[in-house]
Amino acid sequence: GRDHRGVLRRSDMAAFSASWEEPVEFDFRGVTVLKSGP
């Protein structure tokens, strides 16, 4: 209910890069189930 300014800056966006990660897995009934990390 109040007005605020955002804090996201160009420098934050420039510092971030999407990436590839190893999945987390569990074997269930003969199938390996893959998920992202915690």
PDB file of all heavy atoms in Angstrom:
ATOM      1  N   GLY A   1       0.785  -1.230   0.000  1.00  0.00           N
ATOM      2  CA  GLY A   1       0.000   0.000   0.000  1.00  0.00           C
ATOM      3  C   GLY A   1       0.811   1.271   0.000  1.00  0.00           C
ATOM      4  O   GLY A   1       0.265   2.364   0.092  1.00  0.00           O
ATOM      5  N   ARG A   2       2.148   1.142  -0.123  1.00  0.00           N
ATOM      6  CA  ARG A   2       3.014   2.319  -0.147  1.00  0.00           C
ATOM      7  C   ARG A   2       3.839   2.347  -1.432  1.00  0.00           C
ATOM      8  O   ARG A   2       3.928   1.355  -2.149  1.00  0.00           O
ATOM      9  CB  ARG A   2       3.933   2.322   1.078  1.00  0.00           C
ATOM     10  CG  ARG A   2       3.189   2.474   2.411  1.00  0.00           C
ATOM     11  CD  ARG A   2       4.165   2.453   3.575  1.00  0.00           C
ATOM     12  NE  ARG A   2       4.842   1.165   3.689  1.00  0.00           N
ATOM     13  CZ  ARG A   2       5.997   0.984   4.310  1.00  0.00           C
ATOM     14  NH1 ARG A   2       6.617   2.020   4.864  1.00  0.00           N
ATOM     15  NH2 ARG A   2       6.544  -0.204   4.389  1.00  0.00           N
ATOM     16  N   ASP A   3       4.455   3.482  -1.689  1.00  0.00           N
ATOM     17  CA  ASP A   3       5.285   3.641  -2.872  1.00  0.00           C
ATOM     18  C   ASP A   3       6.757   3.432  -2.519  1.00  0.00           C
ATOM     19  O   ASP A   3       7.252   3.991  -1.533  1.00  0.00           O
ATOM     20  CB  ASP A   3       5.110   5.041  -3.475  1.00  0.00           C
ATOM     21  CG  ASP A   3       3.736   5.245  -4.079  1.00  0.00           C
ATOM     22  OD1 ASP A   3       3.001   4.238  -4.239  1.00  0.00           O
ATOM     23  OD2 ASP A   3       3.384   6.393  -4.385  1.00  0.00           O
ATOM     24  N   HIS A   4       7.422   2.620  -3.315  1.00  0.00           N
ATOM     25  CA  HIS A   4       8.849   2.346  -3.131  1.00  0.00           C
ATOM     26  C   HIS A   4       9.542   2.398  -4.481  1.00  0.00           C
ATOM     27  O   HIS A   4       8.918   2.252  -5.537  1.00  0.00           O
ATOM     28  CB  HIS A   4       9.074   0.953  -2.525  1.00  0.00           C
ATOM     29  CG  HIS A   4       8.357   0.691  -1.251  1.00  0.00           C
ATOM     30  ND1 HIS A   4       8.707   1.298  -0.067  1.00  0.00           N
ATOM     31  CD2 HIS A   4       7.305  -0.127  -0.966  1.00  0.00           C
ATOM     32  CE1 HIS A   4       7.897   0.867   0.898  1.00  0.00           C
ATOM     33  NE2 HIS A   4       7.045   0.006   0.380  1.00  0.00           N
ATOM     34  N   ARG A   5      10.855   2.556  -4.439  1.00  0.00           N
ATOM     35  CA  ARG A   5      11.690   2.430  -5.629  1.00  0.00           C
ATOM     36  C   ARG A   5      12.238   0.998  -5.708  1.00  0.00           C
ATOM     37  O   ARG A   5      12.531   0.382  -4.690  1.00  0.00           O
ATOM     38  CB  ARG A   5      12.868   3.405  -5.583  1.00  0.00           C
ATOM     39  CG  ARG A   5      12.493   4.877  -5.668  1.00  0.00           C
ATOM     40  CD  ARG A   5      13.746   5.743  -5.571  1.00  0.00           C
ATOM     41  NE  ARG A   5      13.450   7.156  -5.789  1.00  0.00           N
ATOM     42  CZ  ARG A   5      13.033   7.988  -4.842  1.00  0.00           C
ATOM     43  NH1 ARG A   5      12.871   7.540  -3.591  1.00  0.00           N
ATOM     44  NH2 ARG A   5      12.793   9.253  -5.130  1.00  0.00           N
ATOM     45  N   GLY A   6      12.390   0.502  -6.916  1.00  0.00           N
ATOM     46  CA  GLY A   6      13.075  -0.766  -7.094  1.00  0.00           C
ATOM     47  C   GLY A   6      14.570  -0.598  -6.923  1.00  0.00           C
ATOM     48  O   GLY A   6      15.104   0.519  -7.010  1.00  0.00           O
ATOM     49  N   VAL A   7      15.284  -1.694  -6.684  1.00  0.00           N
ATOM     50  CA  VAL A   7      16.731  -1.632  -6.465  1.00  0.00           C
ATOM     51  C   VAL A   7      17.521  -2.354  -7.549  1.00  0.00           C
ATOM     52  O   VAL A   7      18.750  -2.375  -7.508  1.00  0.00           O
ATOM     53  CB  VAL A   7      17.106  -2.204  -5.085  1.00  0.00           C
ATOM     54  CG1 VAL A   7      16.490  -1.362  -3.969  1.00  0.00           C
ATOM     55  CG2 VAL A   7      16.685  -3.665  -4.952  1.00  0.00           C
ATOM     56  N   LEU A   8      16.833  -2.935  -8.531  1.00  0.00           N
ATOM     57  CA  LEU A   8      17.521  -3.617  -9.619  1.00  0.00           C
ATOM     58  C   LEU A   8      18.251  -2.605 -10.495  1.00  0.00           C
ATOM     59  O   LEU A   8      17.664  -1.590 -10.894  1.00  0.00           O
ATOM     60  CB  LEU A   8      16.510  -4.410 -10.455  1.00  0.00           C
ATOM     61  CG  LEU A   8      17.062  -5.165 -11.666  1.00  0.00           C
ATOM     62  CD1 LEU A   8      18.019  -6.265 -11.228  1.00  0.00           C
ATOM     63  CD2 LEU A   8      15.916  -5.750 -12.494  1.00  0.00           C
ATOM     64  N   ARG A   9      19.500  -2.871 -10.817  1.00  0.00           N
ATOM     65  CA  ARG A   9      20.302  -1.956 -11.609  1.00  0.00           C
ATOM     66  C   ARG A   9      20.915  -2.672 -12.820  1.00  0.00           C
ATOM     67  O   ARG A   9      21.022  -3.895 -12.853  1.00  0.00           O
ATOM     68  CB  ARG A   9      21.435  -1.353 -10.751  1.00  0.00           C
ATOM     69  CG  ARG A   9      20.924  -0.529  -9.574  1.00  0.00           C
ATOM     70  CD  ARG A   9      20.261   0.763 -10.040  1.00  0.00           C
ATOM     71  NE  ARG A   9      19.737   1.549  -8.921  1.00  0.00           N
ATOM     72  CZ  ARG A   9      18.449   1.552  -8.539  1.00  0.00           C
ATOM     73  NH1 ARG A   9      17.572   0.802  -9.182  1.00  0.00           N
ATOM     74  NH2 ARG A   9      18.067   2.306  -7.528  1.00  0.00           N
ATOM     75  N   ARG A  10      21.329  -1.868 -13.779  1.00  0.00           N
ATOM     76  CA  ARG A  10      22.000  -2.408 -14.960  1.00  0.00           C
ATOM     77  C   ARG A  10      23.200  -3.268 -14.553  1.00  0.00           C
ATOM     78  O   ARG A  10      23.477  -4.310 -15.160  1.00  0.00           O
ATOM     79  CB  ARG A  10      22.461  -1.267 -15.870  1.00  0.00           C
ATOM     80  CG  ARG A  10      23.103  -1.757 -17.181  1.00  0.00           C
ATOM     81  CD  ARG A  10      24.007  -0.680 -17.797  1.00  0.00           C
ATOM     82  NE  ARG A  10      23.255   0.470 -18.254  1.00  0.00           N
ATOM     83  CZ  ARG A  10      23.077   0.814 -19.531  1.00  0.00           C
ATOM     84  NH1 ARG A  10      23.605   0.073 -20.489  1.00  0.00           N
ATOM     85  NH2 ARG A  10      22.409   1.899 -19.854  1.00  0.00           N
ATOM     86  N   SER A  11      23.915  -2.847 -13.536  1.00  0.00           N
ATOM     87  CA  SER A  11      25.092  -3.603 -13.091  1.00  0.00           C
ATOM     88  C   SER A  11      24.709  -4.991 -12.585  1.00  0.00           C
ATOM     89  O   SER A  11      25.469  -5.952 -12.750  1.00  0.00           O
ATOM     90  CB  SER A  11      25.837  -2.830 -11.995  1.00  0.00           C
ATOM     91  OG  SER A  11      24.967  -2.524 -10.904  1.00  0.00           O
ATOM     92  N   ASP A  12      23.529  -5.122 -11.959  1.00  0.00           N
ATOM     93  CA  ASP A  12      23.063  -6.441 -11.512  1.00  0.00           C
ATOM     94  C   ASP A  12      22.807  -7.347 -12.705  1.00  0.00           C
ATOM     95  O   ASP A  12      23.162  -8.537 -12.690  1.00  0.00           O
ATOM     96  CB  ASP A  12      21.774  -6.304 -10.693  1.00  0.00           C
ATOM     97  CG  ASP A  12      21.966  -5.538  -9.395  1.00  0.00           C
ATOM     98  OD1 ASP A  12      22.885  -5.888  -8.636  1.00  0.00           O
ATOM     99  OD2 ASP A  12      21.193  -4.588  -9.157  1.00  0.00           O
ATOM    100  N   MET A  13      22.175  -6.778 -13.729  1.00  0.00           N
ATOM    101  CA  MET A  13      21.888  -7.583 -14.917  1.00  0.00           C
ATOM    102  C   MET A  13      23.168  -7.965 -15.647  1.00  0.00           C
ATOM    103  O   MET A  13      23.307  -9.095 -16.135  1.00  0.00           O
ATOM    104  CB  MET A  13      20.932  -6.829 -15.838  1.00  0.00           C
ATOM    105  CG  MET A  13      19.545  -6.647 -15.234  1.00  0.00           C
ATOM    106  SD  MET A  13      18.346  -5.962 -16.387  1.00  0.00           S
ATOM    107  CE  MET A  13      18.275  -7.224 -17.652  1.00  0.00           C
ATOM    108  N   ALA A  14      24.111  -7.045 -15.724  1.00  0.00           N
ATOM    109  CA  ALA A  14      25.366  -7.326 -16.412  1.00  0.00           C
ATOM    110  C   ALA A  14      26.171  -8.407 -15.695  1.00  0.00           C
ATOM    111  O   ALA A  14      26.906  -9.173 -16.333  1.00  0.00           O
ATOM    112  CB  ALA A  14      26.184  -6.052 -16.531  1.00  0.00           C
ATOM    113  N   ALA A  15      26.016  -8.495 -14.382  1.00  0.00           N
ATOM    114  CA  ALA A  15      26.801  -9.459 -13.597  1.00  0.00           C
ATOM    115  C   ALA A  15      26.243 -10.872 -13.668  1.00  0.00           C
ATOM    116  O   ALA A  15      26.929 -11.834 -13.304  1.00  0.00           O
ATOM    117  CB  ALA A  15      26.874  -8.999 -12.142  1.00  0.00           C
ATOM    118  N   PHE A  16      24.998 -11.002 -14.130  1.00  0.00           N
ATOM    119  CA  PHE A  16      24.356 -12.324 -14.141  1.00  0.00           C
ATOM    120  C   PHE A  16      24.471 -12.978 -15.505  1.00  0.00           C
ATOM    121  O   PHE A  16      24.359 -12.337 -16.543  1.00  0.00           O
ATOM    122  CB  PHE A  16      22.868 -12.195 -13.793  1.00  0.00           C
ATOM    123  CG  PHE A  16      22.097 -13.471 -14.004  1.00  0.00           C
ATOM    124  CD1 PHE A  16      22.203 -14.505 -13.095  1.00  0.00           C
ATOM    125  CD2 PHE A  16      21.289 -13.645 -15.122  1.00  0.00           C
ATOM    126  CE1 PHE A  16      21.510 -15.704 -13.296  1.00  0.00           C
ATOM    127  CE2 PHE A  16      20.595 -14.820 -15.327  1.00  0.00           C
ATOM    128  CZ  PHE A  16      20.694 -15.857 -14.413  1.00  0.00           C
ATOM    129  N   SER A  17      24.683 -14.277 -15.494  1.00  0.00           N
ATOM    130  CA  SER A  17      24.644 -15.064 -16.713  1.00  0.00           C
ATOM    131  C   SER A  17      23.968 -16.388 -16.395  1.00  0.00           C
ATOM    132  O   SER A  17      24.285 -17.044 -15.393  1.00  0.00           O
ATOM    133  CB  SER A  17      26.056 -15.314 -17.248  1.00  0.00           C
ATOM    134  OG  SER A  17      26.017 -16.132 -18.400  1.00  0.00           O
ATOM    135  N   ALA A  18      23.012 -16.766 -17.215  1.00  0.00           N
ATOM    136  CA  ALA A  18      22.413 -18.092 -17.074  1.00  0.00           C
ATOM    137  C   ALA A  18      23.502 -19.152 -17.223  1.00  0.00           C
ATOM    138  O   ALA A  18      24.555 -18.905 -17.831  1.00  0.00           O
ATOM    139  CB  ALA A  18      21.324 -18.288 -18.116  1.00  0.00           C
ATOM    140  N   SER A  19      23.246 -20.341 -16.700  1.00  0.00           N
ATOM    141  CA  SER A  19      24.307 -21.353 -16.686  1.00  0.00           C
ATOM    142  C   SER A  19      23.720 -22.751 -16.718  1.00  0.00           C
ATOM    143  O   SER A  19      22.509 -22.958 -16.558  1.00  0.00           O
ATOM    144  CB  SER A  19      25.184 -21.174 -15.438  1.00  0.00           C
ATOM    145  OG  SER A  19      24.403 -21.317 -14.260  1.00  0.00           O
ATOM    146  N   TRP A  20      24.611 -23.710 -16.918  1.00  0.00           N
ATOM    147  CA  TRP A  20      24.242 -25.126 -16.902  1.00  0.00           C
ATOM    148  C   TRP A  20      24.713 -25.758 -15.594  1.00  0.00           C
ATOM    149  O   TRP A  20      25.801 -25.463 -15.121  1.00  0.00           O
ATOM    150  CB  TRP A  20      24.882 -25.851 -18.079  1.00  0.00           C
ATOM    151  CG  TRP A  20      24.451 -25.353 -19.417  1.00  0.00           C
ATOM    152  CD1 TRP A  20      25.175 -24.556 -20.272  1.00  0.00           C
ATOM    153  CD2 TRP A  20      23.204 -25.598 -20.064  1.00  0.00           C
ATOM    154  NE1 TRP A  20      24.449 -24.305 -21.405  1.00  0.00           N
ATOM    155  CE2 TRP A  20      23.238 -24.932 -21.310  1.00  0.00           C
ATOM    156  CE3 TRP A  20      22.057 -26.317 -19.716  1.00  0.00           C
ATOM    157  CZ2 TRP A  20      22.174 -24.966 -22.207  1.00  0.00           C
ATOM    158  CZ3 TRP A  20      20.993 -26.362 -20.592  1.00  0.00           C
ATOM    159  CH2 TRP A  20      21.046 -25.696 -21.831  1.00  0.00           C
ATOM    160  N   GLU A  21      23.875 -26.615 -15.040  1.00  0.00           N
ATOM    161  CA  GLU A  21      24.219 -27.293 -13.791  1.00  0.00           C
ATOM    162  C   GLU A  21      23.933 -28.786 -13.909  1.00  0.00           C
ATOM    163  O   GLU A  21      23.108 -29.215 -14.730  1.00  0.00           O
ATOM    164  CB  GLU A  21      23.409 -26.716 -12.621  1.00  0.00           C
ATOM    165  CG  GLU A  21      23.708 -25.264 -12.307  1.00  0.00           C
ATOM    166  CD  GLU A  21      23.011 -24.806 -11.034  1.00  0.00           C
ATOM    167  OE1 GLU A  21      22.272 -25.614 -10.427  1.00  0.00           O
ATOM    168  OE2 GLU A  21      23.211 -23.640 -10.651  1.00  0.00           O
ATOM    169  N   GLU A  22      24.573 -29.546 -13.070  1.00  0.00           N
ATOM    170  CA  GLU A  22      24.308 -30.980 -12.996  1.00  0.00           C
ATOM    171  C   GLU A  22      22.975 -31.208 -12.277  1.00  0.00           C
ATOM    172  O   GLU A  22      22.725 -30.617 -11.226  1.00  0.00           O
ATOM    173  CB  GLU A  22      25.438 -31.679 -12.235  1.00  0.00           C
ATOM    174  CG  GLU A  22      25.313 -33.189 -12.162  1.00  0.00           C
ATOM    175  CD  GLU A  22      26.449 -33.834 -11.379  1.00  0.00           C
ATOM    176  OE1 GLU A  22      27.400 -33.121 -11.031  1.00  0.00           O
ATOM    177  OE2 GLU A  22      26.365 -35.045 -11.119  1.00  0.00           O
ATOM    178  N   PRO A  23      22.105 -32.040 -12.806  1.00  0.00           N
ATOM    179  CA  PRO A  23      20.831 -32.288 -12.118  1.00  0.00           C
ATOM    180  C   PRO A  23      21.004 -33.152 -10.882  1.00  0.00           C
ATOM    181  O   PRO A  23      22.020 -33.837 -10.709  1.00  0.00           O
ATOM    182  CB  PRO A  23      19.997 -33.009 -13.177  1.00  0.00           C
ATOM    183  CG  PRO A  23      20.992 -33.649 -14.083  1.00  0.00           C
ATOM    184  CD  PRO A  23      22.200 -32.750 -14.090  1.00  0.00           C
ATOM    185  N   VAL A  24      20.007 -33.097 -10.029  1.00  0.00           N
ATOM    186  CA  VAL A  24      19.901 -33.994  -8.875  1.00  0.00           C
ATOM    187  C   VAL A  24      19.023 -35.165  -9.303  1.00  0.00           C
ATOM    188  O   VAL A  24      18.077 -34.988 -10.081  1.00  0.00           O
ATOM    189  CB  VAL A  24      19.277 -33.257  -7.680  1.00  0.00           C
ATOM    190  CG1 VAL A  24      19.136 -34.183  -6.487  1.00  0.00           C
ATOM    191  CG2 VAL A  24      20.109 -32.037  -7.326  1.00  0.00           C
ATOM    192  N   GLU A  25      19.314 -36.370  -8.821  1.00  0.00           N
ATOM    193  CA  GLU A  25      18.575 -37.525  -9.317  1.00  0.00           C
ATOM    194  C   GLU A  25      18.223 -38.507  -8.216  1.00  0.00           C
ATOM    195  O   GLU A  25      18.839 -38.534  -7.139  1.00  0.00           O
ATOM    196  CB  GLU A  25      19.374 -38.245 -10.408  1.00  0.00           C
ATOM    197  CG  GLU A  25      20.693 -38.838  -9.936  1.00  0.00           C
ATOM    198  CD  GLU A  25      21.460 -39.490 -11.077  1.00  0.00           C
ATOM    199  OE1 GLU A  25      21.663 -38.822 -12.116  1.00  0.00           O
ATOM    200  OE2 GLU A  25      21.860 -40.665 -10.926  1.00  0.00           O
ATOM    201  N   PHE A  26      17.189 -39.323  -8.520  1.00  0.00           N
ATOM    202  CA  PHE A  26      16.797 -40.424  -7.639  1.00  0.00           C
ATOM    203  C   PHE A  26      16.251 -41.534  -8.524  1.00  0.00           C
ATOM    204  O   PHE A  26      15.468 -41.285  -9.446  1.00  0.00           O
ATOM    205  CB  PHE A  26      15.732 -39.987  -6.629  1.00  0.00           C
ATOM    206  CG  PHE A  26      15.312 -41.074  -5.683  1.00  0.00           C
ATOM    207  CD1 PHE A  26      16.111 -41.403  -4.605  1.00  0.00           C
ATOM    208  CD2 PHE A  26      14.142 -41.786  -5.879  1.00  0.00           C
ATOM    209  CE1 PHE A  26      15.751 -42.421  -3.730  1.00  0.00           C
ATOM    210  CE2 PHE A  26      13.758 -42.797  -5.011  1.00  0.00           C
ATOM    211  CZ  PHE A  26      14.573 -43.122  -3.931  1.00  0.00           C
ATOM    212  N   ASP A  27      16.672 -42.772  -8.256  1.00  0.00           N
ATOM    213  CA  ASP A  27      16.191 -43.926  -9.017  1.00  0.00           C
ATOM    214  C   ASP A  27      14.917 -44.473  -8.374  1.00  0.00           C
ATOM    215  O   ASP A  27      14.927 -44.863  -7.194  1.00  0.00           O
ATOM    216  CB  ASP A  27      17.260 -45.018  -9.075  1.00  0.00           C
ATOM    217  CG  ASP A  27      18.451 -44.622  -9.931  1.00  0.00           C
ATOM    218  OD1 ASP A  27      18.263 -43.802 -10.852  1.00  0.00           O
ATOM    219  OD2 ASP A  27      19.567 -45.124  -9.682  1.00  0.00           O
ATOM    220  N   PHE A  28      13.856 -44.502  -9.160  1.00  0.00           N
ATOM    221  CA  PHE A  28      12.554 -44.951  -8.651  1.00  0.00           C
ATOM    222  C   PHE A  28      11.946 -45.930  -9.649  1.00  0.00           C
ATOM    223  O   PHE A  28      11.667 -45.580 -10.788  1.00  0.00           O
ATOM    224  CB  PHE A  28      11.617 -43.753  -8.455  1.00  0.00           C
ATOM    225  CG  PHE A  28      10.245 -44.111  -7.948  1.00  0.00           C
ATOM    226  CD1 PHE A  28      10.044 -44.391  -6.592  1.00  0.00           C
ATOM    227  CD2 PHE A  28       9.171 -44.175  -8.810  1.00  0.00           C
ATOM    228  CE1 PHE A  28       8.779 -44.725  -6.121  1.00  0.00           C
ATOM    229  CE2 PHE A  28       7.901 -44.495  -8.338  1.00  0.00           C
ATOM    230  CZ  PHE A  28       7.705 -44.780  -6.996  1.00  0.00           C
ATOM    231  N   ARG A  29      11.792 -47.162  -9.218  1.00  0.00           N
ATOM    232  CA  ARG A  29      11.135 -48.211 -10.000  1.00  0.00           C
ATOM    233  C   ARG A  29      11.731 -48.337 -11.405  1.00  0.00           C
ATOM    234  O   ARG A  29      11.023 -48.388 -12.415  1.00  0.00           O
ATOM    235  CB  ARG A  29       9.627 -47.941 -10.081  1.00  0.00           C
ATOM    236  CG  ARG A  29       8.941 -47.760  -8.714  1.00  0.00           C
ATOM    237  CD  ARG A  29       9.038 -49.016  -7.852  1.00  0.00           C
ATOM    238  NE  ARG A  29       8.545 -48.814  -6.492  1.00  0.00           N
ATOM    239  CZ  ARG A  29       7.322 -49.174  -6.067  1.00  0.00           C
ATOM    240  NH1 ARG A  29       6.470 -49.723  -6.911  1.00  0.00           N
ATOM    241  NH2 ARG A  29       6.980 -48.973  -4.807  1.00  0.00           N
ATOM    242  N   GLY A  30      13.049 -48.347 -11.482  1.00  0.00           N
ATOM    243  CA  GLY A  30      13.734 -48.576 -12.740  1.00  0.00           C
ATOM    244  C   GLY A  30      13.917 -47.355 -13.611  1.00  0.00           C
ATOM    245  O   GLY A  30      14.397 -47.464 -14.747  1.00  0.00           O
ATOM    246  N   VAL A  31      13.560 -46.188 -13.100  1.00  0.00           N
ATOM    247  CA  VAL A  31      13.666 -44.947 -13.859  1.00  0.00           C
ATOM    248  C   VAL A  31      14.464 -43.946 -13.032  1.00  0.00           C
ATOM    249  O   VAL A  31      14.294 -43.850 -11.815  1.00  0.00           O
ATOM    250  CB  VAL A  31      12.272 -44.378 -14.180  1.00  0.00           C
ATOM    251  CG1 VAL A  31      12.372 -42.975 -14.764  1.00  0.00           C
ATOM    252  CG2 VAL A  31      11.539 -45.299 -15.148  1.00  0.00           C
ATOM    253  N   THR A  32      15.349 -43.180 -13.684  1.00  0.00           N
ATOM    254  CA  THR A  32      16.074 -42.113 -13.005  1.00  0.00           C
ATOM    255  C   THR A  32      15.303 -40.818 -13.175  1.00  0.00           C
ATOM    256  O   THR A  32      15.060 -40.377 -14.308  1.00  0.00           O
ATOM    257  CB  THR A  32      17.496 -41.955 -13.577  1.00  0.00           C
ATOM    258  OG1 THR A  32      18.203 -43.194 -13.415  1.00  0.00           O
ATOM    259  CG2 THR A  32      18.241 -40.851 -12.854  1.00  0.00           C
ATOM    260  N   VAL A  33      14.906 -40.229 -12.057  1.00  0.00           N
ATOM    261  CA  VAL A  33      14.125 -38.992 -12.050  1.00  0.00           C
ATOM    262  C   VAL A  33      15.088 -37.837 -11.818  1.00  0.00           C
ATOM    263  O   VAL A  33      15.820 -37.821 -10.814  1.00  0.00           O
ATOM    264  CB  VAL A  33      13.044 -39.015 -10.955  1.00  0.00           C
ATOM    265  CG1 VAL A  33      12.165 -37.763 -11.042  1.00  0.00           C
ATOM    266  CG2 VAL A  33      12.188 -40.274 -11.069  1.00  0.00           C
ATOM    267  N   LEU A  34      15.107 -36.854 -12.724  1.00  0.00           N
ATOM    268  CA  LEU A  34      16.024 -35.724 -12.654  1.00  0.00           C
ATOM    269  C   LEU A  34      15.293 -34.452 -12.242  1.00  0.00           C
ATOM    270  O   LEU A  34      14.202 -34.165 -12.740  1.00  0.00           O
ATOM    271  CB  LEU A  34      16.693 -35.478 -14.008  1.00  0.00           C
ATOM    272  CG  LEU A  34      17.475 -36.630 -14.635  1.00  0.00           C
ATOM    273  CD1 LEU A  34      18.120 -36.161 -15.929  1.00  0.00           C
ATOM    274  CD2 LEU A  34      18.527 -37.164 -13.673  1.00  0.00           C
ATOM    275  N   LYS A  35      15.937 -33.674 -11.352  1.00  0.00           N
ATOM    276  CA  LYS A  35      15.391 -32.399 -10.904  1.00  0.00           C
ATOM    277  C   LYS A  35      16.532 -31.387 -10.769  1.00  0.00           C
ATOM    278  O   LYS A  35      17.710 -31.740 -10.816  1.00  0.00           O
ATOM    279  CB  LYS A  35      14.684 -32.552  -9.545  1.00  0.00           C
ATOM    280  CG  LYS A  35      13.553 -33.557  -9.519  1.00  0.00           C
ATOM    281  CD  LYS A  35      12.385 -33.138 -10.386  1.00  0.00           C
ATOM    282  CE  LYS A  35      11.597 -32.004  -9.775  1.00  0.00           C
ATOM    283  NZ  LYS A  35      10.369 -31.693 -10.540  1.00  0.00           N
ATOM    284  N   SER A  36      16.157 -30.135 -10.564  1.00  0.00           N
ATOM    285  CA  SER A  36      17.156 -29.106 -10.267  1.00  0.00           C
ATOM    286  C   SER A  36      17.571 -29.194  -8.804  1.00  0.00           C
ATOM    287  O   SER A  36      16.976 -29.938  -8.018  1.00  0.00           O
ATOM    288  CB  SER A  36      16.590 -27.725 -10.567  1.00  0.00           C
ATOM    289  OG  SER A  36      15.479 -27.456  -9.726  1.00  0.00           O
ATOM    290  N   GLY A  37      18.567 -28.419  -8.436  1.00  0.00           N
ATOM    291  CA  GLY A  37      19.111 -28.464  -7.084  1.00  0.00           C
ATOM    292  C   GLY A  37      18.241 -27.771  -6.054  1.00  0.00           C
ATOM    293  O   GLY A  37      17.147 -27.275  -6.346  1.00  0.00           O
ATOM    294  N   PRO A  38      18.727 -27.681  -4.809  1.00  0.00           N
ATOM    295  CA  PRO A  38      17.923 -27.164  -3.699  1.00  0.00           C
ATOM    296  C   PRO A  38      17.739 -25.656  -3.693  1.00  0.00           C
ATOM    297  O   PRO A  38      17.135 -25.123  -2.769  1.00  0.00           O
ATOM    298  CB  PRO A  38      18.697 -27.635  -2.463  1.00  0.00           C
ATOM    299  CG  PRO A  38      20.122 -27.735  -2.929  1.00  0.00           C
ATOM    300  CD  PRO A  38      20.035 -28.197  -4.348  1.00  0.00           C
TER     301      PRO A  38
END
